[in-house]
Amino acid sequence: MNKFSHLILFTFICICFTTHAQKNLWDENPTESQSELDSLLTVLPTTKRANKTAILNRIAEIYWAINPDKTIEYGSEALQLSKEFKQKEEEGLALINLCQGYLFNDIYDKALQYGLQSLEIRKEIGNDYDLAFTLRTLGWLYYDIGYLDNALQYHTETLRIHEKIGDKQRIAYSYNSIGLIHEAKDDCDLALSFFKRSLNLIKDTSNKDRIAATMKNMGVCYRKINELDSAMVFLESSLNIINEIHYERNKVEILNELSTVNILLNNFDKSYELLKESRIISESLTNNKELIIENNRIMSDYYLSNNNYKEALNYYKKYVEGMSEMFSSNKSENLAEMRVLFEAERRENEIKLLEQERNLEAQKRNFLLIGALLLVIIAILIIGSLWNNIKKKKAIYLQSHKLSKEKLKTQHLERENLEHKLEFRQKELTNLALFISQRTSIYKDFTKSLKNLKFTDLKELKKNIDSLIKEYTFKFDFNEDIQRFHANIENLQSDFLFKIKEEFPHLTDKDVQLAVQVKLKLSSKEIANINNISLNSVEIGRHRLRKKLGLESKDNLVTFLENI
């Protein structure tokens, strides 16, 4: 392979690594991972030392579940190179890979050591994705050694980061993790609530392995609370999904759990078929000890339910031997040492916390004493200031109150004066109207009398009288009093004129003029005299006005106009 081909392949591998950098074991597809692993192992020997760290870390990550020893091997090399080339991010990843490798090998002391080192580096870098992954890994470590409260604390902190990031897939993973912890605490109802939240977030995604795992966990919970029908539904749904994606390790776990549910339902033949299928698949897998041990335990339960005590005892012995082999004396000592270390660390933290609390209490007492003295001084100053302010405000208030009373009195007198003036002008207007009406009536009577005179032999006199009639008629039509009357109406009734024109824009000027005169409570005869029209014309005008105003016969026109 030439240098150019190496460069192209290395670029492709780096892109793949970037894509998978934030993945975890639950995200992996075995077929895709194996293909990626083959590519990485091919390009690794020809890569420069400074560029090898990322590839080594990804290889170590893929080997977690396949071969933890390989994870430790490649993780150690990645750690060495990352320190040599001062690659902090790669160093944090190498440490968490080593933590995972030792965790899968049940070497908890070393797993914790590397996990805590990774946590310090990733806190320093501040990448939320990487920090959450390290916290989650430490949570699983505490889960494995039975420190469930510590595990819950780490996974809850991980959930907060995932919610801050806003990644539904990771939030769902955290819900599932917290659910498993509550299941281990035998609080299956609470565990189910978290599993349901997890499933709701991912049920419409393409992440089938996670959906299957969550359904399996729900099935286990339903089995523990003896809701066997629900357990069967979720476990079978999980199995169908796993069959689609061919994830054999998860399939074994589901088959084992289904066989347990079928034993409880007395479906012994079905349970035996599932156990046999589980055993065949387990034997074909690497790193299969735990799967086979669990299969032996359930097989013992199967024979015990069928009253075959010999076979039940035989498989139970195999189960105990397997567990003893897994937890060898060395591992037991490590685990015991680990627990002592945790207790010592917890005790040391408690002592430090108590000392801090004692110092804080002493400081708090001193602060409280100083604060109390300051408060007394401030209170004295404030009370003195308030007393002076109260005296000043009281004097200002009394003066303001006096001025307000005088101002109100003046305003009241001015309002009364205005009301008297308005009332006087209103009466004046009405009197003027009556005067005009009376004078017009006199003019009309005078004219009528003149018209009735007969001058048969004095033609010239008749001519003069006719001229006189015309003169009085002309004066009547342009009478200054009438003009003054209408001008006064516009001034005194300006609000009424504005409102009636705004509310009834279709009224003519004559309609508005008639409305004003009716509002002044002038009689039809007086209105006729003022406007020099017939009484009949006034009545017709009033009828037309009522109609335009939308009034019925029972409605009072004057009252209606006064309320406008």
Protein backbone atom coordinates (compact mmCIF):
# COMPACT_ATOMS: atom_id res chain seq x y z
CA MET A 1 0.00 0.00 0.00
CA ASN A 2 1.59 3.39 -1.06
CA LYS A 3 1.75 6.55 1.10
CA PHE A 4 -1.15 8.20 -0.72
CA SER A 5 -3.39 5.17 -0.08
CA HIS A 6 -2.37 5.24 3.59
CA LEU A 7 -3.34 8.91 3.80
CA ILE A 8 -6.80 8.27 2.29
CA LEU A 9 -7.46 5.30 4.59
CA PHE A 10 -6.25 7.23 7.66
CA THR A 11 -8.56 10.14 6.82
CA PHE A 12 -11.51 7.76 6.46
CA ILE A 13 -10.69 6.10 9.80
CA CYS A 14 -10.48 9.48 11.56
CA ILE A 15 -13.89 10.45 10.18
CA CYS A 16 -15.34 7.17 11.42
CA PHE A 17 -13.73 7.73 14.80
CA THR A 18 -15.17 11.25 15.06
CA THR A 19 -18.59 9.84 14.32
CA HIS A 20 -18.25 7.16 16.99
CA ALA A 21 -16.31 9.16 19.57
CA GLN A 22 -19.30 9.72 21.80
CA LYS A 23 -20.78 6.24 21.46
CA ASN A 24 -21.05 3.79 24.30
CA LEU A 25 -21.45 0.08 24.62
CA TRP A 26 -25.23 0.24 24.39
CA ASP A 27 -24.98 2.02 21.01
CA GLU A 28 -22.72 -0.51 19.32
CA ASN A 29 -23.84 -2.72 16.44
CA PRO A 30 -21.58 -5.80 16.50
CA THR A 31 -21.34 -6.18 12.70
CA GLU A 32 -20.52 -2.52 12.12
CA SER A 33 -18.04 -2.50 15.02
CA GLN A 34 -16.18 -5.54 13.67
CA SER A 35 -15.91 -3.92 10.24
CA GLU A 36 -14.59 -0.72 11.76
CA LEU A 37 -12.16 -2.69 13.96
CA ASP A 38 -10.72 -4.49 10.95
CA SER A 39 -10.14 -1.16 9.19
CA LEU A 40 -8.49 0.38 12.24
CA LEU A 41 -6.18 -2.59 12.81
CA THR A 42 -5.15 -2.40 9.15
CA VAL A 43 -4.18 1.28 9.21
CA LEU A 44 -2.61 1.33 12.71
CA PRO A 45 0.90 -0.09 11.88
CA THR A 46 1.51 2.52 9.17
CA THR A 47 0.33 5.54 11.16
CA LYS A 48 2.74 8.03 12.74
CA ARG A 49 3.12 7.79 16.51
CA ALA A 50 1.59 11.20 17.14
CA ASN A 51 -1.52 10.20 15.17
CA LYS A 52 -1.92 6.72 16.66
CA THR A 53 -3.58 7.76 19.92
CA ALA A 54 -7.09 8.31 18.52
CA ILE A 55 -7.00 5.02 16.60
CA LEU A 56 -5.72 3.08 19.63
CA ASN A 57 -8.47 4.54 21.78
CA ARG A 58 -11.18 3.60 19.29
CA ILE A 59 -9.82 0.04 19.01
CA ALA A 60 -9.80 -0.21 22.81
CA GLU A 61 -13.38 1.05 22.90
CA ILE A 62 -14.63 -1.52 20.39
CA TYR A 63 -12.94 -4.32 22.38
CA TRP A 64 -14.85 -3.52 25.61
CA ALA A 65 -17.41 -6.30 25.30
CA ILE A 66 -15.49 -8.43 22.79
CA ASN A 67 -12.22 -8.81 24.69
CA PRO A 68 -11.59 -6.60 27.74
CA ASP A 69 -7.95 -7.71 27.87
CA LYS A 70 -7.45 -6.16 24.43
CA THR A 71 -9.14 -2.99 25.70
CA ILE A 72 -6.55 -2.81 28.48
CA GLU A 73 -3.70 -3.51 26.03
CA TYR A 74 -4.65 -0.83 23.49
CA GLY A 75 -5.86 1.57 26.18
CA SER A 76 -2.49 1.40 27.96
CA GLU A 77 -0.62 2.18 24.73
CA ALA A 78 -3.00 5.07 24.01
CA LEU A 79 -2.44 6.45 27.55
CA GLN A 80 1.34 6.32 27.13
CA LEU A 81 1.25 8.13 23.76
CA SER A 82 -1.29 10.74 24.92
CA LYS A 83 0.98 11.70 27.83
CA GLU A 84 4.04 11.74 25.56
CA PHE A 85 2.39 14.13 23.06
CA LYS A 86 0.38 16.05 25.74
CA GLN A 87 -2.99 15.11 24.22
CA LYS A 88 -5.31 15.78 27.16
CA GLU A 89 -8.57 14.72 25.50
CA GLU A 90 -7.03 11.46 24.29
CA GLU A 91 -5.56 10.89 27.75
CA GLY A 92 -9.03 11.23 29.31
CA LEU A 93 -10.42 8.75 26.75
CA ALA A 94 -7.55 6.28 27.29
CA LEU A 95 -8.16 6.37 31.05
CA ILE A 96 -11.88 5.67 30.65
CA ASN A 97 -11.07 2.82 28.23
CA LEU A 98 -8.81 1.30 30.86
CA CYS A 99 -11.56 1.79 33.43
CA GLN A 100 -13.97 -0.07 31.15
CA GLY A 101 -11.48 -2.88 30.47
CA TYR A 102 -10.85 -3.53 34.16
CA LEU A 103 -14.56 -3.12 34.92
CA PHE A 104 -15.46 -5.85 32.40
CA ASN A 105 -12.79 -8.03 34.04
CA ASP A 106 -14.29 -7.28 37.50
CA ILE A 107 -11.04 -5.69 38.73
CA TYR A 108 -12.80 -2.88 40.50
CA ASP A 109 -9.91 -1.18 42.30
CA LYS A 110 -8.02 -0.47 39.07
CA ALA A 111 -11.26 0.42 37.28
CA LEU A 112 -12.03 3.03 39.96
CA GLN A 113 -8.48 4.37 39.89
CA TYR A 114 -8.53 5.02 36.13
CA GLY A 115 -12.13 6.21 36.17
CA LEU A 116 -11.45 8.90 38.80
CA GLN A 117 -8.33 10.05 36.90
CA SER A 118 -10.41 10.36 33.72
CA LEU A 119 -13.06 12.30 35.63
CA GLU A 120 -10.50 14.90 36.82
CA ILE A 121 -9.15 15.44 33.29
CA ARG A 122 -12.59 15.68 31.71
CA LYS A 123 -13.80 18.13 34.36
CA GLU A 124 -10.75 20.25 33.53
CA ILE A 125 -11.46 20.13 29.76
CA GLY A 126 -15.18 20.82 30.26
CA ASN A 127 -16.62 18.74 27.41
CA ASP A 128 -20.14 17.81 28.60
CA TYR A 129 -20.38 14.70 26.40
CA ASP A 130 -17.10 13.21 27.66
CA LEU A 131 -17.76 14.25 31.26
CA ALA A 132 -21.19 12.61 31.22
CA PHE A 133 -19.72 9.38 29.82
CA THR A 134 -17.10 9.17 32.58
CA LEU A 135 -19.70 9.86 35.29
CA ARG A 136 -21.91 7.16 33.77
CA THR A 137 -19.05 4.64 33.74
CA LEU A 138 -18.28 5.32 37.41
CA GLY A 139 -22.00 4.90 38.10
CA TRP A 140 -21.90 1.40 36.59
CA LEU A 141 -18.78 0.59 38.61
CA TYR A 142 -20.55 1.45 41.87
CA TYR A 143 -23.59 -0.49 40.61
CA ASP A 144 -21.48 -3.61 40.04
CA ILE A 145 -19.99 -3.58 43.55
CA GLY A 146 -23.38 -2.97 45.16
CA TYR A 147 -23.02 0.70 46.14
CA LEU A 148 -26.41 1.62 44.73
CA ASP A 149 -26.72 5.05 46.36
CA ASN A 150 -23.35 6.08 44.89
CA ALA A 151 -24.40 4.66 41.53
CA LEU A 152 -27.66 6.64 41.67
CA GLN A 153 -25.76 9.83 42.50
CA TYR A 154 -23.44 9.46 39.47
CA HIS A 155 -26.23 8.53 37.05
CA THR A 156 -28.42 11.40 38.29
CA GLU A 157 -25.56 13.83 37.67
CA THR A 158 -25.16 12.29 34.21
CA LEU A 159 -28.87 12.83 33.54
CA ARG A 160 -28.57 16.53 34.43
CA ILE A 161 -25.77 16.95 31.88
CA HIS A 162 -27.73 15.05 29.21
CA GLU A 163 -30.76 17.27 29.84
CA LYS A 164 -28.52 20.34 29.57
CA ILE A 165 -27.19 19.04 26.23
CA GLY A 166 -30.76 18.25 25.13
CA ASP A 167 -29.88 14.87 23.55
CA LYS A 168 -32.96 12.61 23.70
CA GLN A 169 -30.93 9.43 23.11
CA ARG A 170 -28.64 10.14 26.05
CA ILE A 171 -31.51 11.27 28.28
CA ALA A 172 -33.24 7.97 27.48
CA TYR A 173 -30.04 6.08 28.38
CA SER A 174 -29.86 7.89 31.75
CA TYR A 175 -33.52 7.10 32.48
CA ASN A 176 -32.79 3.44 31.74
CA SER A 177 -29.69 3.45 33.98
CA ILE A 178 -31.57 5.03 36.91
CA GLY A 179 -34.38 2.52 36.36
CA LEU A 180 -31.90 -0.39 36.65
CA ILE A 181 -30.61 1.01 39.95
CA HIS A 182 -34.12 1.26 41.38
CA GLU A 183 -34.80 -2.28 40.14
CA ALA A 184 -31.69 -3.45 42.02
CA LYS A 185 -33.13 -1.70 45.10
CA ASP A 186 -36.33 -3.76 44.56
CA ASP A 187 -38.37 -0.62 43.88
CA CYS A 188 -39.80 -1.93 40.63
CA ASP A 189 -42.67 0.56 40.43
CA LEU A 190 -40.23 3.48 40.47
CA ALA A 191 -37.93 1.62 38.09
CA LEU A 192 -40.80 1.11 35.63
CA SER A 193 -41.57 4.83 35.64
CA PHE A 194 -38.00 5.55 34.46
CA PHE A 195 -38.05 2.72 31.90
CA LYS A 196 -41.32 4.10 30.46
CA ARG A 197 -39.81 7.58 30.17
CA SER A 198 -36.82 6.07 28.38
CA LEU A 199 -39.02 4.11 25.98
CA ASN A 200 -41.20 7.13 25.17
CA LEU A 201 -38.11 9.08 24.08
CA ILE A 202 -36.68 6.39 21.79
CA LYS A 203 -39.68 4.36 20.58
CA ASP A 204 -39.88 6.30 17.30
CA THR A 205 -36.12 6.19 16.60
CA SER A 206 -34.07 3.67 14.64
CA ASN A 207 -32.06 2.70 17.74
CA LYS A 208 -33.54 -0.77 17.96
CA ASP A 209 -30.99 -2.26 20.37
CA ARG A 210 -31.84 0.41 22.97
CA ILE A 211 -35.56 -0.08 22.48
CA ALA A 212 -35.09 -3.82 22.93
CA ALA A 213 -32.95 -3.37 26.06
CA THR A 214 -35.50 -1.02 27.65
CA MET A 215 -38.36 -3.44 26.89
CA LYS A 216 -36.32 -6.28 28.39
CA ASN A 217 -35.76 -4.25 31.57
CA MET A 218 -39.49 -3.52 31.79
CA GLY A 219 -40.22 -7.22 31.34
CA VAL A 220 -37.89 -8.08 34.23
CA CYS A 221 -39.64 -5.54 36.47
CA TYR A 222 -43.10 -6.84 35.60
CA ARG A 223 -41.88 -10.37 36.35
CA LYS A 224 -40.58 -9.27 39.77
CA ILE A 225 -43.93 -7.69 40.72
CA ASN A 226 -45.69 -10.84 39.40
CA GLU A 227 -47.44 -9.16 36.44
CA LEU A 228 -46.45 -12.07 34.23
CA ASP A 229 -48.65 -11.28 31.22
CA SER A 230 -47.11 -7.81 30.91
CA ALA A 231 -43.68 -9.32 31.43
CA MET A 232 -44.28 -11.77 28.58
CA VAL A 233 -45.48 -9.01 26.22
CA PHE A 234 -42.43 -6.79 26.74
CA LEU A 235 -39.91 -9.64 26.67
CA GLU A 236 -41.31 -11.10 23.45
CA SER A 237 -41.39 -7.64 21.84
CA SER A 238 -37.76 -7.18 22.87
CA LEU A 239 -36.84 -10.58 21.44
CA ASN A 240 -38.48 -9.76 18.08
CA ILE A 241 -36.39 -6.60 17.77
CA ILE A 242 -33.17 -8.39 18.77
CA ASN A 243 -33.85 -11.05 16.12
CA GLU A 244 -33.99 -8.25 13.53
CA ILE A 245 -30.61 -6.78 14.48
CA HIS A 246 -28.90 -10.11 15.37
CA TYR A 247 -27.44 -9.01 18.72
CA GLU A 248 -26.74 -12.47 20.16
CA ARG A 249 -25.53 -11.50 23.65
CA ASN A 250 -28.70 -9.52 24.35
CA LYS A 251 -30.77 -12.34 22.84
CA VAL A 252 -29.33 -14.79 25.41
CA GLU A 253 -30.32 -12.49 28.29
CA ILE A 254 -33.89 -12.16 26.94
CA LEU A 255 -34.20 -15.93 26.36
CA ASN A 256 -33.09 -16.61 29.94
CA GLU A 257 -35.61 -14.13 31.32
CA LEU A 258 -38.43 -15.54 29.13
CA SER A 259 -37.66 -19.03 30.38
CA THR A 260 -38.03 -17.77 33.99
CA VAL A 261 -41.44 -16.22 33.21
CA ASN A 262 -42.59 -19.45 31.52
CA ILE A 263 -41.55 -21.46 34.59
CA LEU A 264 -43.72 -19.18 36.74
CA LEU A 265 -46.60 -19.68 34.27
CA ASN A 266 -46.04 -23.47 34.40
CA ASN A 267 -45.16 -23.53 30.69
CA PHE A 268 -42.32 -25.96 31.35
CA ASP A 269 -41.83 -27.27 27.80
CA LYS A 270 -41.57 -23.73 26.43
CA SER A 271 -39.18 -22.78 29.21
CA TYR A 272 -36.90 -25.75 28.41
CA GLU A 273 -36.82 -24.85 24.68
CA LEU A 274 -35.80 -21.30 25.53
CA LEU A 275 -33.06 -22.47 27.90
CA LYS A 276 -31.63 -24.87 25.29
CA GLU A 277 -31.61 -22.10 22.65
CA SER A 278 -29.95 -19.75 25.14
CA ARG A 279 -27.26 -22.34 25.96
CA ILE A 280 -26.44 -22.99 22.28
CA ILE A 281 -26.00 -19.27 21.56
CA SER A 282 -24.00 -18.69 24.77
CA GLU A 283 -21.51 -21.42 23.91
CA SER A 284 -20.86 -19.77 20.54
CA LEU A 285 -19.91 -16.43 22.14
CA THR A 286 -16.63 -15.32 23.64
CA ASN A 287 -16.54 -13.99 27.21
CA ASN A 288 -19.63 -16.07 27.93
CA LYS A 289 -19.07 -17.19 31.52
CA GLU A 290 -21.74 -15.02 33.11
CA LEU A 291 -24.32 -16.06 30.47
CA ILE A 292 -23.70 -19.77 31.04
CA ILE A 293 -23.75 -19.34 34.83
CA GLU A 294 -27.14 -17.62 34.61
CA ASN A 295 -28.40 -20.38 32.29
CA ASN A 296 -27.36 -23.01 34.86
CA ARG A 297 -29.23 -21.17 37.62
CA ILE A 298 -32.47 -21.00 35.62
CA MET A 299 -32.06 -24.62 34.48
CA SER A 300 -31.87 -25.59 38.17
CA ASP A 301 -35.13 -23.69 38.77
CA TYR A 302 -36.69 -25.51 35.80
CA TYR A 303 -35.84 -28.99 37.15
CA LEU A 304 -36.87 -28.00 40.65
CA SER A 305 -40.31 -26.95 39.34
CA ASN A 306 -40.59 -30.36 37.66
CA ASN A 307 -39.65 -32.15 40.91
CA ASN A 308 -36.44 -33.48 39.33
CA TYR A 309 -34.29 -32.74 42.36
CA LYS A 310 -31.24 -34.61 41.11
CA GLU A 311 -30.86 -32.50 37.97
CA ALA A 312 -31.86 -29.37 39.89
CA LEU A 313 -29.00 -29.99 42.35
CA ASN A 314 -26.60 -30.83 39.52
CA TYR A 315 -27.20 -27.53 37.71
CA TYR A 316 -27.18 -25.59 40.96
CA LYS A 317 -23.71 -26.99 41.74
CA LYS A 318 -22.56 -25.85 38.29
CA TYR A 319 -24.00 -22.41 39.06
CA VAL A 320 -22.19 -22.19 42.43
CA GLU A 321 -18.91 -23.42 40.92
CA GLY A 322 -19.17 -20.79 38.16
CA MET A 323 -19.84 -18.03 40.66
CA SER A 324 -16.90 -19.19 42.79
CA GLU A 325 -14.66 -19.18 39.75
CA MET A 326 -15.77 -15.67 38.79
CA PHE A 327 -15.23 -14.33 42.27
CA SER A 328 -11.85 -15.95 42.95
CA SER A 329 -10.02 -15.27 46.17
CA ASN A 330 -7.94 -12.59 44.45
CA LYS A 331 -11.06 -10.78 43.16
CA SER A 332 -12.79 -11.17 46.48
CA GLU A 333 -9.79 -9.65 48.23
CA ASN A 334 -9.75 -6.79 45.72
CA LEU A 335 -13.44 -6.22 46.22
CA ALA A 336 -13.08 -6.30 50.02
CA GLU A 337 -10.12 -3.94 49.78
CA MET A 338 -12.20 -1.76 47.52
CA ARG A 339 -15.03 -1.57 50.01
CA VAL A 340 -12.53 -0.69 52.81
CA LEU A 341 -11.07 2.00 50.59
CA PHE A 342 -14.53 3.42 49.92
CA GLU A 343 -15.38 3.38 53.62
CA ALA A 344 -12.07 5.06 54.51
CA GLU A 345 -12.63 7.65 51.82
CA ARG A 346 -16.20 8.23 52.99
CA ARG A 347 -15.05 8.53 56.62
CA GLU A 348 -12.28 10.95 55.67
CA ASN A 349 -14.77 13.06 53.71
CA GLU A 350 -17.15 13.03 56.67
CA ILE A 351 -14.38 14.22 59.02
CA LYS A 352 -13.40 16.97 56.58
CA LEU A 353 -17.02 17.96 56.22
CA LEU A 354 -17.50 18.10 60.00
CA GLU A 355 -14.37 20.22 60.37
CA GLN A 356 -15.58 22.56 57.64
CA GLU A 357 -18.97 22.76 59.30
CA ARG A 358 -17.34 23.60 62.66
CA ASN A 359 -15.25 26.34 61.06
CA LEU A 360 -18.29 27.64 59.25
CA GLU A 361 -20.27 27.67 62.49
CA ALA A 362 -17.52 29.70 64.22
CA GLN A 363 -17.37 32.12 61.32
CA LYS A 364 -21.14 32.28 61.27
CA ARG A 365 -21.26 33.17 64.99
CA ASN A 366 -18.68 35.95 64.50
CA PHE A 367 -20.54 37.25 61.49
CA LEU A 368 -23.82 37.11 63.38
CA LEU A 369 -22.33 39.09 66.30
CA ILE A 370 -20.85 41.75 64.02
CA GLY A 371 -24.03 41.75 61.98
CA ALA A 372 -26.17 42.19 65.09
CA LEU A 373 -24.10 45.21 66.22
CA LEU A 374 -24.28 46.73 62.77
CA LEU A 375 -28.00 46.10 62.65
CA VAL A 376 -28.49 47.88 66.01
CA ILE A 377 -26.50 50.91 64.82
CA ILE A 378 -28.27 50.95 61.48
CA ALA A 379 -31.63 50.52 63.21
CA ILE A 380 -30.96 53.53 65.48
CA LEU A 381 -29.94 55.66 62.50
CA ILE A 382 -32.93 54.49 60.47
CA ILE A 383 -35.39 55.12 63.35
CA GLY A 384 -33.99 58.65 63.85
CA SER A 385 -34.17 59.35 60.16
CA LEU A 386 -37.67 57.92 59.93
CA TRP A 387 -38.83 60.02 62.89
CA ASN A 388 -37.56 63.21 61.26
CA ASN A 389 -39.12 62.19 57.95
CA ILE A 390 -42.43 61.44 59.67
CA LYS A 391 -42.44 64.90 61.30
CA LYS A 392 -41.62 66.60 57.99
CA LYS A 393 -44.15 64.53 56.06
CA LYS A 394 -46.80 65.24 58.69
CA ALA A 395 -46.25 69.00 58.38
CA ILE A 396 -46.26 68.73 54.58
CA TYR A 397 -49.39 66.61 54.73
CA LEU A 398 -51.24 69.08 56.97
CA GLN A 399 -50.26 71.97 54.70
CA SER A 400 -51.20 69.99 51.59
CA HIS A 401 -54.48 68.94 53.17
CA LYS A 402 -55.29 72.58 53.98
CA LEU A 403 -54.43 73.70 50.46
CA SER A 404 -56.41 70.80 48.99
CA LYS A 405 -59.48 71.76 51.01
CA GLU A 406 -59.21 75.38 49.89
CA LYS A 407 -58.63 74.29 46.29
CA LEU A 408 -61.63 71.96 46.41
CA LYS A 409 -63.73 74.74 47.90
CA THR A 410 -62.64 77.12 45.11
CA GLN A 411 -63.32 74.48 42.45
CA HIS A 412 -66.73 73.81 43.98
CA LEU A 413 -67.59 77.52 43.88
CA GLU A 414 -66.33 77.82 40.30
CA ARG A 415 -68.38 74.78 39.29
CA GLU A 416 -71.49 76.24 40.96
CA ASN A 417 -70.87 79.55 39.22
CA LEU A 418 -70.51 77.81 35.87
CA GLU A 419 -73.64 75.79 36.49
CA HIS A 420 -75.54 78.99 37.36
CA LYS A 421 -74.22 80.68 34.25
CA LEU A 422 -75.15 77.69 32.10
CA GLU A 423 -78.59 77.53 33.66
CA PHE A 424 -79.01 81.28 33.11
CA ARG A 425 -77.88 81.02 29.48
CA GLN A 426 -80.17 78.04 28.98
CA LYS A 427 -83.12 80.02 30.37
CA GLU A 428 -82.06 83.03 28.33
CA LEU A 429 -82.02 80.87 25.22
CA THR A 430 -85.45 79.50 26.01
CA ASN A 431 -86.79 83.00 26.74
CA LEU A 432 -85.28 84.25 23.51
CA ALA A 433 -86.99 81.47 21.66
CA LEU A 434 -90.30 82.32 23.29
CA PHE A 435 -89.78 85.98 22.51
CA ILE A 436 -89.03 85.23 18.88
CA SER A 437 -92.04 82.96 18.75
CA GLN A 438 -94.32 85.62 20.23
CA ARG A 439 -92.99 88.36 17.98
CA THR A 440 -93.27 86.16 14.92
CA SER A 441 -96.81 85.41 15.88
CA ILE A 442 -97.54 89.16 16.11
CA TYR A 443 -95.97 89.71 12.72
CA LYS A 444 -98.03 86.95 11.22
CA ASP A 445 -101.22 88.27 12.78
CA PHE A 446 -100.40 91.74 11.55
CA THR A 447 -99.74 90.48 8.06
CA LYS A 448 -102.88 88.43 8.09
CA SER A 449 -104.97 91.44 9.17
CA LEU A 450 -103.48 93.56 6.44
CA LYS A 451 -104.24 90.88 3.89
CA ASN A 452 -107.85 90.82 4.96
CA LEU A 453 -108.31 94.57 4.41
CA LYS A 454 -110.36 95.53 1.36
CA PHE A 455 -109.51 98.71 -0.52
CA THR A 456 -111.78 98.78 -3.48
CA ASP A 457 -111.70 102.45 -4.32
CA LEU A 458 -108.18 103.30 -3.27
CA LYS A 459 -105.89 101.41 -5.56
CA GLU A 460 -102.89 103.39 -4.61
CA LEU A 461 -103.43 102.66 -0.94
CA LYS A 462 -103.66 98.95 -1.66
CA LYS A 463 -100.45 99.17 -3.54
CA ASN A 464 -98.74 100.73 -0.56
CA ILE A 465 -100.19 98.17 1.81
CA ASP A 466 -98.94 95.34 -0.39
CA SER A 467 -95.54 96.89 -0.35
CA LEU A 468 -95.73 97.07 3.42
CA ILE A 469 -96.61 93.37 3.65
CA LYS A 470 -93.62 92.47 1.54
CA GLU A 471 -91.37 94.61 3.67
CA TYR A 472 -92.51 92.90 6.91
CA THR A 473 -92.22 89.49 5.35
CA PHE A 474 -88.65 90.26 4.25
CA LYS A 475 -87.75 91.50 7.73
CA PHE A 476 -89.24 88.40 9.24
CA ASP A 477 -87.13 86.10 7.03
CA PHE A 478 -83.85 87.83 7.99
CA ASN A 479 -84.63 88.66 11.55
CA GLU A 480 -81.45 89.28 13.64
CA ASP A 481 -83.00 87.74 16.75
CA ILE A 482 -83.54 84.46 14.95
CA GLN A 483 -79.92 84.46 13.75
CA ARG A 484 -78.71 85.25 17.28
CA PHE A 485 -80.92 82.42 18.58
CA HIS A 486 -79.32 79.88 16.24
CA ALA A 487 -75.81 81.17 17.04
CA ASN A 488 -76.50 80.73 20.75
CA ILE A 489 -77.77 77.25 20.13
CA GLU A 490 -74.47 76.31 18.43
CA ASN A 491 -72.49 77.64 21.41
CA LEU A 492 -74.58 76.25 24.25
CA GLN A 493 -75.54 72.98 22.66
CA SER A 494 -72.16 72.22 21.03
CA ASP A 495 -71.71 68.93 22.99
CA PHE A 496 -75.20 67.78 22.09
CA LEU A 497 -74.71 68.74 18.42
CA PHE A 498 -71.42 66.78 18.29
CA LYS A 499 -72.87 63.66 19.94
CA ILE A 500 -76.08 63.51 17.86
CA LYS A 501 -74.15 64.01 14.61
CA GLU A 502 -71.61 61.32 15.60
CA GLU A 503 -74.27 58.82 16.70
CA PHE A 504 -76.74 59.59 13.88
CA PRO A 505 -74.64 60.79 10.91
CA HIS A 506 -77.57 60.36 8.50
CA LEU A 507 -79.55 63.28 10.07
CA THR A 508 -79.82 66.45 7.96
CA ASP A 509 -79.09 69.94 9.32
CA LYS A 510 -82.84 70.62 9.57
CA ASP A 511 -83.28 67.39 11.53
CA VAL A 512 -80.55 68.42 13.96
CA GLN A 513 -82.00 71.94 14.29
CA LEU A 514 -85.43 70.47 15.07
CA ALA A 515 -83.87 68.06 17.62
CA VAL A 516 -82.25 70.96 19.49
CA GLN A 517 -85.50 72.93 19.63
CA VAL A 518 -87.43 69.86 20.85
CA LYS A 519 -84.73 69.26 23.50
CA LEU A 520 -85.33 72.83 24.71
CA LYS A 521 -88.95 71.72 25.26
CA LEU A 522 -90.40 74.24 22.80
CA SER A 523 -93.92 73.46 21.63
CA SER A 524 -94.68 72.62 18.02
CA LYS A 525 -96.34 75.99 17.58
CA GLU A 526 -93.31 77.83 18.98
CA ILE A 527 -91.01 75.83 16.69
CA ALA A 528 -93.23 76.68 13.72
CA ASN A 529 -93.11 80.40 14.55
CA ILE A 530 -89.31 80.40 15.05
CA ASN A 531 -88.65 78.65 11.75
CA ASN A 532 -91.50 80.43 9.86
CA ILE A 533 -93.10 77.17 8.85
CA SER A 534 -96.55 75.70 9.32
CA LEU A 535 -97.58 73.71 12.37
CA ASN A 536 -98.22 70.71 10.12
CA SER A 537 -94.64 70.92 8.80
CA VAL A 538 -93.34 70.76 12.39
CA GLU A 539 -95.43 67.67 13.16
CA ILE A 540 -94.23 65.97 9.97
CA GLY A 541 -90.63 66.92 10.91
CA ARG A 542 -91.02 65.48 14.41
CA HIS A 543 -92.43 62.22 12.99
CA ARG A 544 -89.58 61.95 10.50
CA LEU A 545 -87.02 62.66 13.27
CA ARG A 546 -88.46 59.90 15.51
CA LYS A 547 -88.22 57.46 12.64
CA LYS A 548 -84.57 58.37 11.88
CA LEU A 549 -83.70 58.02 15.57
CA GLY A 550 -85.28 54.54 15.64
CA LEU A 551 -87.93 55.41 18.26
CA GLU A 552 -91.22 53.62 18.70
CA SER A 553 -94.53 55.31 19.44
CA LYS A 554 -94.26 54.63 23.18
CA ASP A 555 -90.80 56.31 23.43
CA ASN A 556 -90.63 59.94 24.60
CA LEU A 557 -88.69 62.07 22.09
CA VAL A 558 -87.68 64.81 24.58
CA THR A 559 -86.39 62.27 27.16
CA PHE A 560 -84.43 60.43 24.46
CA LEU A 561 -82.74 63.64 23.26
CA GLU A 562 -81.89 64.74 26.82
CA ASN A 563 -80.05 61.40 27.37
CA ILE A 564 -77.80 61.78 24.34
